[in-house]
Amino acid sequence: MRSGAKVAVIGGVFAVVVGGVGYGAYNILDGLGDSGVGGGSDAETTSQEVRTGPVTKQETAETSKKFLAAWAKGDAEVAAQLTNNDGDARPALTGYSDTAHVTKAVITPGPAVGSKVPYTVKATVSYKGKTKPWSYASELTVVRGLTTGNALVDWKPSVIHPDLGKGESLETGEASTASIEAVDRNGQVLTKEKYPSLGGILDELRKKYGEKAGGTVGVETWINSANADGADKTLLTLVKGKPGKVQTTLDAKIQAAAERGVKKFEKSSVAAVEPSTGAIRAIANNPSTGFETARSGAVAPGSTMKIITAAMIIQNGLGNANSPVECPSTVPWEGVTFHNLDDFSMTDSPTLKRAFARSCNTAFIKPVLPLGDKRGTALGNEAAQYFGIGRNWQTGIATVDGKVPASEGAETAASYIGQGKVQMNPLNMASVTATAVHGQFLQPYIVPRDLDNRTFATANPLPGGVSAQLKQMLQYTATAQEGTATQAMARVGGTKGAKTGSSEIDGHATSDSWFTGFSNNLAAAALVQSGGHGGDAAGPVVAEVLLAGP
């Protein structure tokens, strides 16, 4: 306990007053159910035997009670000793008062669910005479100590705040970056409250462009990023700084549709770009906090990759949209047999366009055999030279470039159908579709180039006729009765096209669902992890976005 503290129990609230500052916690057993512990006293064990097995209901109640009470009192030493990682817990708990400047905390636990105990925190943050209330909810888990056998709180930074991750810390003070008011292309203000998926992007724009936009700093509570190049996350504003206006390429209407779209499925993400300019119109993720797959993911894109494979086939003289192809149920490649979905085949003299619409894997592997020594590099060259993949995009925010590395053996055949070592995210694939229909790669961007004089990535225009054939294939896939994207795109009007995909990912029981499409002057791509077939999950997400477009 801190030196000079006065302790009192008043009306069931345990409070500690330190230098005029109060920490308090409601009776910790309230809400935890009948623990078998009466009068708030701790049960003691006389056995020296190390306990094993899952923690009991009583242990969960007792340990969470002691921990939450110590934390609420500001006694970091005692609270840390009640966790399974004293070394990490102690500085984090100490920082709650010393660096986050929390001067009062009332913690109210809810009913335990097994060994998990949820709770709400009602705190007061004070800094240089400025004070503001701060409320949030989190949870802890009680586990069995590996060496002592004691019941202990399983330490994670999220015990202190649900958004706090490994290596991160809380701090209150004058913000290190100036405030911004981000607006969409029509001047509509964008906030993370209205558009939750933009939280990380807005924080990053603030860090990069706040000062350039003429903003001033305020007083805030924030999470210090564990990454030196990452953006801090503001949790509470005590005093607002003067915001500088940052114009983005986002479209509030399309962004709202993207937010709705990703809510349809867990672990889903979507991005939309304008083919004629490269402007990013929307980007969204579910969950809306944490890792942002839409711009930072790097996973196999499945059959959506056939857009680039088709361009490679056409440009290398191996076929065209209306040339005949073979689509057997399987095809061998250097000792490995590749299959179509459910081993289907097309025996009615299919064309490349129809094989694209049915997503026939074998039809996109067999034609490439004549390339000989170029087979392992042709796809990567096509992706980089004409679709801008891996060209170090400078979008205005951190994004991960797609990757189509050189390959050999069976990995070469796998890459043609979006497997192997090919890696993409929805922003990459939205750009691929935009390039296919526009005929020229235009690097995606979210703020104007002249804001910081960035150098945009460039690529060669698609040779004459290639874009027209790709667009024809995409349109057929989204409108023909046999097209795998037709059902998902049924509600979308205008000139439209699409491609479905599914990819096998290690550790996923169900394949990832991919879908990319366009309508008029908007292209979008979505990924639903473990979502199954492309048209079933990712398709409705893309359709929702395209319906909000021009």
Protein backbone atom coordinates (compact mmCIF):
# COMPACT_ATOMS: atom_id res chain seq x y z
CA MET A 1 0.00 0.00 0.00
CA ARG A 2 1.17 3.50 -0.79
CA SER A 3 2.73 5.50 2.03
CA GLY A 4 0.33 7.89 3.73
CA ALA A 5 -2.81 6.18 2.45
CA LYS A 6 -5.99 6.34 4.49
CA VAL A 7 -8.34 3.38 4.27
CA ALA A 8 -12.06 3.32 4.85
CA VAL A 9 -14.96 1.00 4.10
CA ILE A 10 -18.11 3.00 3.39
CA GLY A 11 -21.38 1.48 2.24
CA GLY A 12 -19.75 -1.57 0.66
CA VAL A 13 -17.24 0.51 -1.31
CA PHE A 14 -13.60 -0.04 -0.51
CA ALA A 15 -11.73 3.22 -1.05
CA VAL A 16 -8.15 4.34 -0.62
CA VAL A 17 -7.31 8.01 -0.49
CA VAL A 18 -3.78 9.03 -1.40
CA GLY A 19 -2.92 12.68 -1.21
CA GLY A 20 -6.51 13.69 -1.85
CA VAL A 21 -6.88 11.28 -4.78
CA GLY A 22 -9.30 8.37 -4.44
CA TYR A 23 -9.28 4.89 -5.90
CA GLY A 24 -12.28 2.70 -5.19
CA ALA A 25 -13.75 -0.70 -5.99
CA TYR A 26 -17.25 -1.96 -5.36
CA ASN A 27 -17.51 -5.08 -3.24
CA ILE A 28 -15.66 -7.39 -5.63
CA LEU A 29 -17.81 -10.41 -4.76
CA ASP A 30 -20.91 -8.59 -6.01
CA GLY A 31 -21.68 -10.07 -9.42
CA LEU A 32 -19.36 -13.05 -9.04
CA GLY A 33 -22.01 -15.33 -7.66
CA ASP A 34 -21.82 -17.55 -4.58
CA SER A 35 -18.13 -18.28 -4.15
CA GLY A 36 -18.38 -19.88 -0.76
CA VAL A 37 -16.29 -17.07 0.72
CA GLY A 38 -18.13 -15.18 3.41
CA GLY A 39 -17.61 -11.71 4.80
CA GLY A 40 -15.04 -10.83 2.18
CA SER A 41 -12.32 -12.82 3.98
CA ASP A 42 -9.88 -14.97 2.02
CA ALA A 43 -10.00 -18.74 2.41
CA GLU A 44 -6.66 -20.24 3.42
CA THR A 45 -5.34 -23.66 2.55
CA THR A 46 -3.18 -25.65 4.97
CA SER A 47 -2.14 -28.20 2.37
CA GLN A 48 1.40 -27.93 1.01
CA GLU A 49 0.47 -30.06 -1.96
CA VAL A 50 0.66 -28.25 -5.32
CA ARG A 51 -2.78 -28.11 -6.85
CA THR A 52 -3.40 -29.24 -10.42
CA GLY A 53 -6.29 -29.22 -12.84
CA PRO A 54 -8.68 -26.43 -13.81
CA VAL A 55 -9.33 -23.62 -11.34
CA THR A 56 -12.51 -23.90 -9.32
CA LYS A 57 -15.38 -21.46 -9.11
CA GLN A 58 -14.24 -20.45 -5.63
CA GLU A 59 -10.66 -19.88 -6.79
CA THR A 60 -11.88 -17.74 -9.67
CA ALA A 61 -13.94 -15.62 -7.28
CA GLU A 62 -11.19 -15.25 -4.66
CA THR A 63 -8.35 -14.47 -7.07
CA SER A 64 -10.32 -12.00 -9.18
CA LYS A 65 -11.54 -10.31 -6.00
CA LYS A 66 -8.04 -9.83 -4.65
CA PHE A 67 -6.62 -8.67 -7.97
CA LEU A 68 -9.36 -6.18 -8.81
CA ALA A 69 -9.33 -4.78 -5.28
CA ALA A 70 -5.54 -4.27 -5.35
CA TRP A 71 -5.69 -2.70 -8.81
CA ALA A 72 -8.53 -0.38 -7.81
CA LYS A 73 -6.52 0.70 -4.74
CA GLY A 74 -3.54 1.52 -6.93
CA ASP A 75 -1.47 -1.21 -5.26
CA ALA A 76 0.43 -2.42 -8.33
CA GLU A 77 2.81 -4.60 -6.31
CA VAL A 78 0.10 -6.73 -4.74
CA ALA A 79 -1.96 -6.87 -7.94
CA ALA A 80 1.04 -7.98 -9.99
CA GLN A 81 1.86 -10.77 -7.53
CA LEU A 82 -1.61 -12.15 -8.17
CA THR A 83 -0.82 -12.67 -11.87
CA ASN A 84 1.25 -15.30 -13.64
CA ASN A 85 3.63 -12.65 -15.02
CA ASP A 86 4.72 -10.26 -12.28
CA GLY A 87 7.50 -8.81 -14.44
CA ASP A 88 5.15 -7.53 -17.17
CA ALA A 89 2.14 -6.82 -14.98
CA ARG A 90 3.85 -4.58 -12.41
CA PRO A 91 5.04 -1.78 -14.73
CA ALA A 92 1.75 -1.83 -16.62
CA LEU A 93 -0.30 -1.52 -13.44
CA THR A 94 2.05 1.12 -12.04
CA GLY A 95 1.76 3.08 -15.27
CA TYR A 96 -2.02 3.15 -14.94
CA SER A 97 -1.66 5.87 -12.32
CA ASP A 98 1.85 7.19 -12.99
CA THR A 99 1.76 7.67 -16.77
CA ALA A 100 -1.91 7.30 -17.71
CA HIS A 101 -2.72 9.63 -14.78
CA VAL A 102 -5.80 7.73 -13.66
CA THR A 103 -6.68 9.34 -10.33
CA LYS A 104 -9.79 7.35 -9.47
CA ALA A 105 -11.06 3.94 -10.53
CA VAL A 106 -14.25 2.12 -9.62
CA ILE A 107 -14.28 -1.46 -10.91
CA THR A 108 -17.52 -3.43 -11.03
CA PRO A 109 -17.27 -7.14 -11.87
CA GLY A 110 -20.00 -9.03 -13.69
CA PRO A 111 -20.96 -12.70 -13.31
CA ALA A 112 -18.07 -15.08 -13.95
CA VAL A 113 -18.33 -17.31 -17.02
CA GLY A 114 -16.21 -20.30 -16.17
CA SER A 115 -12.79 -18.88 -15.31
CA LYS A 116 -13.44 -15.55 -17.09
CA VAL A 117 -14.58 -12.51 -15.13
CA PRO A 118 -15.88 -9.46 -17.04
CA TYR A 119 -15.86 -6.04 -15.40
CA THR A 120 -16.49 -2.38 -16.08
CA VAL A 121 -14.10 0.38 -15.15
CA LYS A 122 -15.28 3.89 -14.34
CA ALA A 123 -12.17 5.99 -13.99
CA THR A 124 -11.16 9.62 -13.77
CA VAL A 125 -8.13 10.92 -15.67
CA SER A 126 -6.46 14.12 -14.47
CA TYR A 127 -3.60 16.01 -16.09
CA LYS A 128 -2.38 19.51 -15.20
CA GLY A 129 -5.73 20.61 -13.86
CA LYS A 130 -7.77 19.01 -16.63
CA THR A 131 -10.06 16.15 -15.58
CA LYS A 132 -12.37 13.84 -17.51
CA PRO A 133 -14.28 10.62 -16.75
CA TRP A 134 -13.30 7.47 -18.64
CA SER A 135 -15.38 4.30 -18.82
CA TYR A 136 -14.79 0.96 -20.55
CA ALA A 137 -15.23 -2.79 -20.12
CA SER A 138 -12.72 -5.63 -20.14
CA GLU A 139 -12.22 -9.09 -18.69
CA LEU A 140 -9.66 -11.32 -17.02
CA THR A 141 -9.12 -15.06 -16.90
CA VAL A 142 -8.00 -17.01 -13.84
CA VAL A 143 -5.59 -19.90 -14.51
CA ARG A 144 -3.57 -22.42 -12.55
CA GLY A 145 0.04 -21.34 -11.92
CA LEU A 146 2.45 -23.71 -13.64
CA THR A 147 4.93 -23.93 -10.76
CA THR A 148 2.99 -22.95 -7.64
CA GLY A 149 -0.36 -24.46 -8.54
CA ASN A 150 -1.99 -21.28 -7.21
CA ALA A 151 -4.92 -19.64 -8.96
CA LEU A 152 -3.57 -16.54 -10.74
CA VAL A 153 -4.78 -13.93 -13.18
CA ASP A 154 -3.56 -14.82 -16.67
CA TRP A 155 -1.68 -11.61 -17.43
CA LYS A 156 -2.37 -9.86 -20.69
CA PRO A 157 -2.18 -6.10 -21.34
CA SER A 158 -5.88 -6.23 -22.28
CA VAL A 159 -6.65 -6.80 -18.58
CA ILE A 160 -5.98 -3.08 -18.12
CA HIS A 161 -7.74 -1.98 -21.32
CA PRO A 162 -9.26 -4.18 -24.07
CA ASP A 163 -7.36 -2.36 -26.86
CA LEU A 164 -3.96 -2.67 -25.17
CA GLY A 165 -1.63 -5.16 -26.87
CA LYS A 166 1.77 -6.67 -26.21
CA GLY A 167 4.51 -4.06 -25.93
CA GLU A 168 2.02 -1.20 -25.74
CA SER A 169 1.42 1.21 -22.86
CA LEU A 170 -1.05 3.86 -21.71
CA GLU A 171 -0.09 7.52 -21.44
CA THR A 172 -1.81 10.81 -20.76
CA GLY A 173 -0.33 14.15 -21.71
CA GLU A 174 0.03 16.62 -24.52
CA ALA A 175 -0.43 14.65 -27.72
CA SER A 176 2.68 14.05 -29.79
CA THR A 177 0.82 14.77 -33.01
CA ALA A 178 -1.54 17.55 -34.05
CA SER A 179 -5.25 16.92 -34.31
CA ILE A 180 -6.90 16.48 -37.70
CA GLU A 181 -10.36 16.62 -39.17
CA ALA A 182 -10.38 14.04 -41.93
CA VAL A 183 -12.99 14.58 -44.62
CA ASP A 184 -14.14 12.50 -47.55
CA ARG A 185 -13.89 13.62 -51.16
CA ASN A 186 -17.09 15.65 -50.76
CA GLY A 187 -16.02 17.34 -47.52
CA GLN A 188 -18.02 15.11 -45.17
CA VAL A 189 -16.27 14.60 -41.82
CA LEU A 190 -15.02 11.08 -41.15
CA THR A 191 -14.89 9.83 -37.55
CA LYS A 192 -14.12 6.43 -36.08
CA GLU A 193 -17.37 6.60 -34.13
CA LYS A 194 -19.40 6.66 -37.36
CA TYR A 195 -16.98 4.57 -39.42
CA PRO A 196 -15.30 2.15 -36.94
CA SER A 197 -12.99 0.58 -39.51
CA LEU A 198 -11.29 3.93 -40.09
CA GLY A 199 -9.94 4.20 -36.52
CA GLY A 200 -6.44 3.00 -37.36
CA ILE A 201 -6.33 4.90 -40.64
CA LEU A 202 -7.38 8.17 -39.01
CA ASP A 203 -4.73 7.73 -36.30
CA GLU A 204 -2.12 7.13 -38.98
CA LEU A 205 -3.23 10.12 -41.07
CA ARG A 206 -3.02 12.25 -37.96
CA LYS A 207 0.53 11.13 -37.22
CA LYS A 208 1.72 11.69 -40.78
CA TYR A 209 -0.19 14.80 -41.78
CA GLY A 210 -1.51 16.57 -38.67
CA GLU A 211 1.25 19.16 -38.57
CA LYS A 212 1.25 19.64 -42.35
CA ALA A 213 -2.48 20.32 -42.17
CA GLY A 214 -1.99 23.11 -39.61
CA GLY A 215 -3.42 21.36 -36.56
CA THR A 216 -2.40 21.89 -32.92
CA VAL A 217 -1.97 19.37 -30.12
CA GLY A 218 -4.47 18.68 -27.33
CA VAL A 219 -4.35 16.73 -24.06
CA GLU A 220 -5.24 13.07 -24.48
CA THR A 221 -4.99 9.54 -23.13
CA TRP A 222 -3.57 7.21 -25.72
CA ILE A 223 -1.98 3.84 -26.37
CA ASN A 224 1.69 4.03 -27.28
CA SER A 225 2.22 1.79 -30.30
CA ALA A 226 4.62 -1.11 -29.88
CA ASN A 227 5.88 -0.35 -33.38
CA ALA A 228 8.16 2.70 -33.62
CA ASP A 229 6.64 3.50 -37.00
CA GLY A 230 3.08 2.78 -35.90
CA ALA A 231 0.42 5.29 -35.00
CA ASP A 232 -0.63 5.84 -31.38
CA LYS A 233 -4.30 5.24 -30.63
CA THR A 234 -6.26 7.95 -28.83
CA LEU A 235 -8.67 6.63 -26.17
CA LEU A 236 -9.78 9.82 -24.41
CA THR A 237 -9.55 13.53 -25.18
CA LEU A 238 -9.29 15.84 -22.17
CA VAL A 239 -8.61 19.00 -24.17
CA LYS A 240 -9.17 19.19 -27.90
CA GLY A 241 -6.45 20.54 -30.12
CA LYS A 242 -7.25 22.67 -33.13
CA PRO A 243 -7.75 20.16 -35.96
CA GLY A 244 -6.14 20.59 -39.33
CA LYS A 245 -8.26 19.48 -42.28
CA VAL A 246 -7.02 16.44 -44.22
CA GLN A 247 -8.76 15.71 -47.49
CA THR A 248 -9.04 12.01 -48.30
CA THR A 249 -10.22 10.12 -51.36
CA LEU A 250 -12.74 8.14 -49.30
CA ASP A 251 -16.43 8.39 -50.10
CA ALA A 252 -18.62 8.46 -46.97
CA LYS A 253 -21.53 6.72 -48.72
CA ILE A 254 -19.34 3.91 -50.05
CA GLN A 255 -17.48 3.65 -46.73
CA ALA A 256 -20.79 3.26 -44.89
CA ALA A 257 -21.73 0.46 -47.29
CA ALA A 258 -18.35 -1.20 -46.67
CA GLU A 259 -18.95 -1.03 -42.91
CA ARG A 260 -22.35 -2.69 -43.39
CA GLY A 261 -20.90 -5.26 -45.73
CA VAL A 262 -18.20 -6.58 -43.42
CA LYS A 263 -20.71 -6.93 -40.59
CA LYS A 264 -22.35 -9.74 -42.56
CA PHE A 265 -19.51 -12.12 -41.68
CA GLU A 266 -16.86 -12.46 -39.00
CA LYS A 267 -13.25 -12.00 -40.09
CA SER A 268 -14.19 -10.16 -43.26
CA SER A 269 -12.53 -7.25 -45.03
CA VAL A 270 -13.16 -5.19 -48.14
CA ALA A 271 -11.55 -2.40 -50.15
CA ALA A 272 -12.82 -0.31 -53.06
CA VAL A 273 -10.94 1.82 -55.60
CA GLU A 274 -11.91 3.97 -58.56
CA PRO A 275 -10.44 2.42 -61.76
CA SER A 276 -10.09 5.72 -63.62
CA THR A 277 -7.97 7.37 -60.88
CA GLY A 278 -6.78 4.76 -58.35
CA ALA A 279 -8.50 6.70 -55.56
CA ILE A 280 -9.40 4.52 -52.56
CA ARG A 281 -13.13 4.99 -51.94
CA ALA A 282 -13.60 2.63 -48.98
CA ILE A 283 -11.75 0.22 -46.74
CA ALA A 284 -13.31 -1.79 -43.91
CA ASN A 285 -12.66 -4.72 -41.61
CA ASN A 286 -14.57 -6.89 -39.17
CA PRO A 287 -13.45 -6.76 -36.43
CA SER A 288 -12.92 -3.04 -36.87
CA THR A 289 -9.99 -2.88 -34.41
CA GLY A 290 -6.71 -4.72 -34.39
CA PHE A 291 -5.10 -6.15 -37.50
CA GLU A 292 -6.45 -4.54 -40.69
CA THR A 293 -6.58 -7.33 -43.25
CA ALA A 294 -8.03 -5.15 -46.00
CA ARG A 295 -4.77 -3.22 -46.40
CA SER A 296 -2.22 -5.29 -44.46
CA GLY A 297 -3.18 -8.90 -45.13
CA ALA A 298 -0.98 -11.26 -47.13
CA VAL A 299 -2.78 -14.48 -47.98
CA ALA A 300 -3.47 -16.63 -51.02
CA PRO A 301 -6.20 -15.03 -53.20
CA GLY A 302 -7.46 -18.23 -54.78
CA SER A 303 -9.12 -18.07 -58.18
CA THR A 304 -9.40 -14.27 -58.20
CA MET A 305 -5.73 -14.54 -59.28
CA LYS A 306 -6.98 -15.97 -62.59
CA ILE A 307 -7.47 -12.37 -63.74
CA ILE A 308 -3.69 -11.97 -63.90
CA THR A 309 -3.20 -15.55 -65.14
CA ALA A 310 -5.66 -14.89 -67.98
CA ALA A 311 -3.75 -11.73 -68.94
CA MET A 312 -0.50 -13.75 -68.93
CA ILE A 313 -2.05 -16.41 -71.17
CA ILE A 314 -3.36 -13.83 -73.64
CA GLN A 315 -0.16 -11.78 -73.76
CA ASN A 316 2.02 -14.85 -74.29
CA GLY A 317 -0.08 -16.01 -77.24
CA LEU A 318 -1.34 -19.10 -75.41
CA GLY A 319 -5.01 -18.28 -75.94
CA ASN A 320 -7.66 -15.59 -75.83
CA ALA A 321 -11.05 -15.07 -74.27
CA ASN A 322 -12.87 -16.97 -77.02
CA SER A 323 -10.27 -19.63 -77.85
CA PRO A 324 -11.06 -23.26 -76.99
CA VAL A 325 -9.51 -24.77 -73.87
CA GLU A 326 -9.55 -28.12 -72.13
CA CYS A 327 -11.14 -28.38 -68.70
CA PRO A 328 -10.64 -31.93 -67.41
CA SER A 329 -11.47 -32.72 -63.79
CA THR A 330 -7.77 -33.05 -62.93
CA VAL A 331 -4.41 -32.19 -64.41
CA PRO A 332 -0.95 -33.51 -63.42
CA TRP A 333 2.01 -31.18 -62.93
CA GLU A 334 5.44 -32.55 -62.02
CA GLY A 335 4.10 -35.35 -59.87
CA VAL A 336 1.21 -33.42 -58.29
CA THR A 337 -2.42 -33.72 -59.39
CA PHE A 338 -4.52 -30.54 -59.36
CA HIS A 339 -8.31 -30.75 -59.11
CA ASN A 340 -11.32 -28.68 -59.98
CA LEU A 341 -13.91 -28.10 -57.27
CA ASP A 342 -15.67 -31.41 -56.71
CA ASP A 343 -13.69 -32.70 -59.71
CA PHE A 344 -16.10 -31.13 -62.22
CA SER A 345 -15.15 -31.04 -65.91
CA MET A 346 -16.37 -29.17 -69.00
CA THR A 347 -16.82 -31.41 -72.05
CA ASP A 348 -18.85 -29.08 -74.33
CA SER A 349 -15.92 -27.35 -76.10
CA PRO A 350 -15.43 -24.60 -73.52
CA THR A 351 -13.64 -21.33 -74.21
CA LEU A 352 -11.23 -19.56 -71.88
CA LYS A 353 -14.02 -17.11 -71.03
CA ARG A 354 -16.39 -19.91 -70.00
CA ALA A 355 -13.67 -21.72 -68.05
CA PHE A 356 -12.98 -18.42 -66.24
CA ALA A 357 -16.70 -18.07 -65.43
CA ARG A 358 -16.90 -21.63 -64.08
CA SER A 359 -13.53 -21.17 -62.29
CA CYS A 360 -11.97 -24.22 -63.92
CA ASN A 361 -8.54 -24.67 -62.35
CA THR A 362 -7.21 -27.13 -64.91
CA ALA A 363 -7.94 -24.77 -67.83
CA PHE A 364 -5.59 -22.20 -66.27
CA ILE A 365 -2.79 -24.69 -65.69
CA LYS A 366 -2.65 -26.76 -68.91
CA PRO A 367 -2.18 -23.84 -71.38
CA VAL A 368 0.95 -22.62 -69.58
CA LEU A 369 3.02 -25.75 -70.23
CA PRO A 370 4.46 -24.38 -73.54
CA LEU A 371 6.15 -21.50 -71.70
CA GLY A 372 8.99 -23.85 -70.78
CA ASP A 373 11.68 -22.19 -68.68
CA LYS A 374 9.53 -19.04 -68.25
CA ARG A 375 6.77 -20.91 -66.45
CA GLY A 376 8.08 -20.05 -62.98
CA THR A 377 8.55 -16.32 -63.63
CA ALA A 378 5.89 -15.38 -66.19
CA LEU A 379 3.10 -14.81 -63.68
CA GLY A 380 5.22 -12.64 -61.38
CA ASN A 381 6.43 -10.58 -64.34
CA GLU A 382 2.86 -10.05 -65.51
CA ALA A 383 1.73 -9.04 -62.01
CA ALA A 384 4.54 -6.51 -61.54
CA GLN A 385 4.92 -5.07 -65.05
CA TYR A 386 1.23 -4.61 -65.84
CA PHE A 387 -0.69 -4.75 -62.55
CA GLY A 388 1.78 -2.89 -60.32
CA ILE A 389 2.02 -5.73 -57.79
CA GLY A 390 5.06 -5.45 -55.52
CA ARG A 391 5.98 -1.98 -56.82
CA ASN A 392 6.20 -0.29 -53.38
CA TRP A 393 2.87 1.52 -53.31
CA GLN A 394 2.83 4.92 -51.60
CA THR A 395 -0.85 5.18 -50.73
CA GLY A 396 -0.50 7.74 -47.92
CA ILE A 397 -0.97 5.07 -45.24
CA ALA A 398 0.86 1.83 -44.51
CA THR A 399 -0.23 -0.90 -46.90
CA VAL A 400 1.20 -4.29 -47.80
CA ASP A 401 2.05 -4.89 -51.44
CA GLY A 402 0.93 -8.09 -53.08
CA LYS A 403 3.55 -10.74 -53.75
CA VAL A 404 3.93 -13.11 -56.72
CA PRO A 405 7.40 -14.64 -56.32
CA ALA A 406 9.20 -16.85 -58.82
CA SER A 407 8.32 -20.50 -58.33
CA GLU A 408 9.30 -23.97 -59.39
CA GLY A 409 7.77 -27.42 -59.51
CA ALA A 410 4.19 -27.85 -58.38
CA GLU A 411 4.20 -24.40 -56.76
CA THR A 412 4.25 -22.90 -60.25
CA ALA A 413 0.96 -24.56 -61.18
CA ALA A 414 -0.50 -23.63 -57.78
CA SER A 415 0.38 -19.97 -58.30
CA TYR A 416 -1.66 -19.81 -61.53
CA ILE A 417 -4.79 -20.50 -59.49
CA GLY A 418 -3.88 -18.18 -56.59
CA GLN A 419 -2.27 -20.69 -54.25
CA GLY A 420 1.39 -21.50 -53.53
CA LYS A 421 3.38 -18.47 -52.41
CA VAL A 422 1.11 -15.85 -53.99
CA GLN A 423 -0.04 -13.33 -51.37
CA MET A 424 -2.66 -10.61 -51.68
CA ASN A 425 -5.12 -8.55 -49.65
CA PRO A 426 -8.44 -6.97 -50.68
CA LEU A 427 -6.82 -3.63 -51.57
CA ASN A 428 -4.39 -5.43 -53.89
CA MET A 429 -7.17 -7.39 -55.59
CA ALA A 430 -9.45 -4.36 -55.95
CA SER A 431 -6.55 -2.69 -57.78
CA VAL A 432 -6.06 -5.79 -59.99
CA THR A 433 -9.70 -5.62 -61.04
CA ALA A 434 -9.50 -1.86 -61.58
CA THR A 435 -6.43 -2.35 -63.79
CA ALA A 436 -8.14 -5.10 -65.79
CA VAL A 437 -11.16 -2.93 -66.67
CA HIS A 438 -9.30 0.39 -67.07
CA GLY A 439 -6.39 -1.07 -69.03
CA GLN A 440 -3.77 0.79 -66.97
CA PHE A 441 -2.51 0.35 -63.43
CA LEU A 442 -3.09 3.50 -61.37
CA GLN A 443 -1.64 3.16 -57.88
CA PRO A 444 -4.28 3.30 -55.13
CA TYR A 445 -4.02 6.30 -52.82
CA ILE A 446 -6.01 7.75 -49.92
CA VAL A 447 -4.61 11.29 -49.75
CA PRO A 448 -3.44 13.49 -52.64
CA ARG A 449 0.08 12.98 -53.89
CA ASP A 450 0.97 16.66 -53.49
CA LEU A 451 0.29 16.56 -49.74
CA ASP A 452 3.80 15.15 -49.23
CA ASN A 453 5.13 14.80 -52.80
CA ARG A 454 5.11 11.01 -52.73
CA THR A 455 6.33 9.06 -55.74
CA PHE A 456 3.57 6.81 -57.01
CA ALA A 457 4.28 3.31 -58.28
CA THR A 458 3.79 2.83 -62.02
CA ALA A 459 3.38 -0.04 -64.47
CA ASN A 460 2.99 -0.56 -68.19
CA PRO A 461 -0.46 -0.26 -69.77
CA LEU A 462 -2.01 -3.56 -70.77
CA PRO A 463 -1.40 -4.19 -74.49
CA GLY A 464 -4.23 -3.44 -76.88
CA GLY A 465 -7.16 -5.81 -76.62
CA VAL A 466 -6.08 -7.47 -73.37
CA SER A 467 -8.15 -5.21 -71.14
CA ALA A 468 -11.21 -5.64 -73.38
CA GLN A 469 -10.92 -9.41 -73.15
CA LEU A 470 -10.47 -9.39 -69.36
CA LYS A 471 -13.47 -7.12 -69.00
CA GLN A 472 -15.49 -9.42 -71.24
CA MET A 473 -14.55 -12.42 -69.09
CA LEU A 474 -15.43 -10.61 -65.87
CA GLN A 475 -18.78 -9.47 -67.28
CA TYR A 476 -19.66 -12.98 -68.42
CA THR A 477 -18.80 -14.40 -64.99
CA ALA A 478 -21.19 -11.92 -63.33
CA THR A 479 -24.12 -12.25 -65.77
CA ALA A 480 -24.13 -15.68 -67.45
CA GLN A 481 -26.24 -18.46 -65.99
CA GLU A 482 -23.14 -20.60 -65.52
CA GLY A 483 -21.09 -17.77 -63.98
CA THR A 484 -20.01 -18.37 -60.39
CA ALA A 485 -20.51 -14.66 -59.58
CA THR A 486 -23.94 -14.19 -61.15
CA GLN A 487 -26.01 -14.81 -58.04
CA ALA A 488 -23.97 -12.50 -55.82
CA MET A 489 -24.03 -9.72 -58.44
CA ALA A 490 -27.74 -10.03 -59.28
CA ARG A 491 -28.71 -6.83 -57.43
CA VAL A 492 -25.84 -4.78 -58.88
CA GLY A 493 -26.75 -2.69 -61.91
CA GLY A 494 -24.82 -0.92 -64.64
CA THR A 495 -21.84 -2.34 -66.49
CA LYS A 496 -20.61 -5.01 -64.14
CA GLY A 497 -18.24 -7.94 -63.84
CA ALA A 498 -16.73 -10.16 -61.15
CA LYS A 499 -14.57 -13.15 -60.25
CA THR A 500 -14.98 -15.59 -57.38
CA GLY A 501 -12.25 -17.40 -55.51
CA SER A 502 -11.56 -19.70 -52.61
CA SER A 503 -8.18 -20.52 -51.15
CA GLU A 504 -6.88 -23.25 -48.91
CA ILE A 505 -5.04 -21.86 -45.89
CA ASP A 506 -3.08 -23.94 -43.39
CA GLY A 507 -4.95 -24.15 -40.11
CA HIS A 508 -8.32 -23.20 -41.61
CA ALA A 509 -10.87 -26.01 -41.61
CA THR A 510 -12.85 -24.20 -44.32
CA SER A 511 -11.41 -22.40 -47.32
CA ASP A 512 -11.16 -18.60 -47.37
CA SER A 513 -13.79 -16.85 -49.46
CA TRP A 514 -12.65 -14.28 -52.05
CA PHE A 515 -14.62 -12.11 -54.45
CA THR A 516 -13.68 -9.17 -56.63
CA GLY A 517 -15.91 -7.18 -58.94
CA PHE A 518 -16.69 -3.88 -60.57
CA SER A 519 -19.71 -1.79 -61.46
CA ASN A 520 -19.32 1.28 -63.64
CA ASN A 521 -16.35 3.21 -62.20
CA LEU A 522 -15.91 1.33 -58.92
CA ALA A 523 -13.94 -1.86 -58.24
CA ALA A 524 -14.02 -3.75 -54.95
CA ALA A 525 -12.58 -6.93 -53.47
CA ALA A 526 -13.42 -8.79 -50.27
CA LEU A 527 -12.00 -11.62 -48.20
CA VAL A 528 -13.94 -13.62 -45.62
CA GLN A 529 -11.59 -15.89 -43.73
CA SER A 530 -12.93 -19.45 -43.51
CA GLY A 531 -15.97 -18.26 -45.45
CA GLY A 532 -16.08 -21.07 -48.00
CA HIS A 533 -16.92 -20.45 -51.66
CA GLY A 534 -16.32 -16.95 -52.99
CA GLY A 535 -19.87 -16.22 -54.08
CA ASP A 536 -21.37 -17.32 -50.76
CA ALA A 537 -19.60 -14.99 -48.32
CA ALA A 538 -17.25 -12.47 -49.92
CA GLY A 539 -19.67 -11.95 -52.84
CA PRO A 540 -22.43 -10.29 -50.79
CA VAL A 541 -19.86 -8.03 -49.13
CA VAL A 542 -18.61 -6.74 -52.50
CA ALA A 543 -22.16 -6.38 -53.82
CA GLU A 544 -23.08 -4.20 -50.84
CA VAL A 545 -20.18 -1.86 -51.66
CA LEU A 546 -20.82 -1.72 -55.39
CA LEU A 547 -24.48 -0.87 -54.84
CA ALA A 548 -23.36 2.35 -53.14
CA GLY A 549 -21.14 3.36 -56.05
CA PRO A 550 -21.81 5.42 -59.16
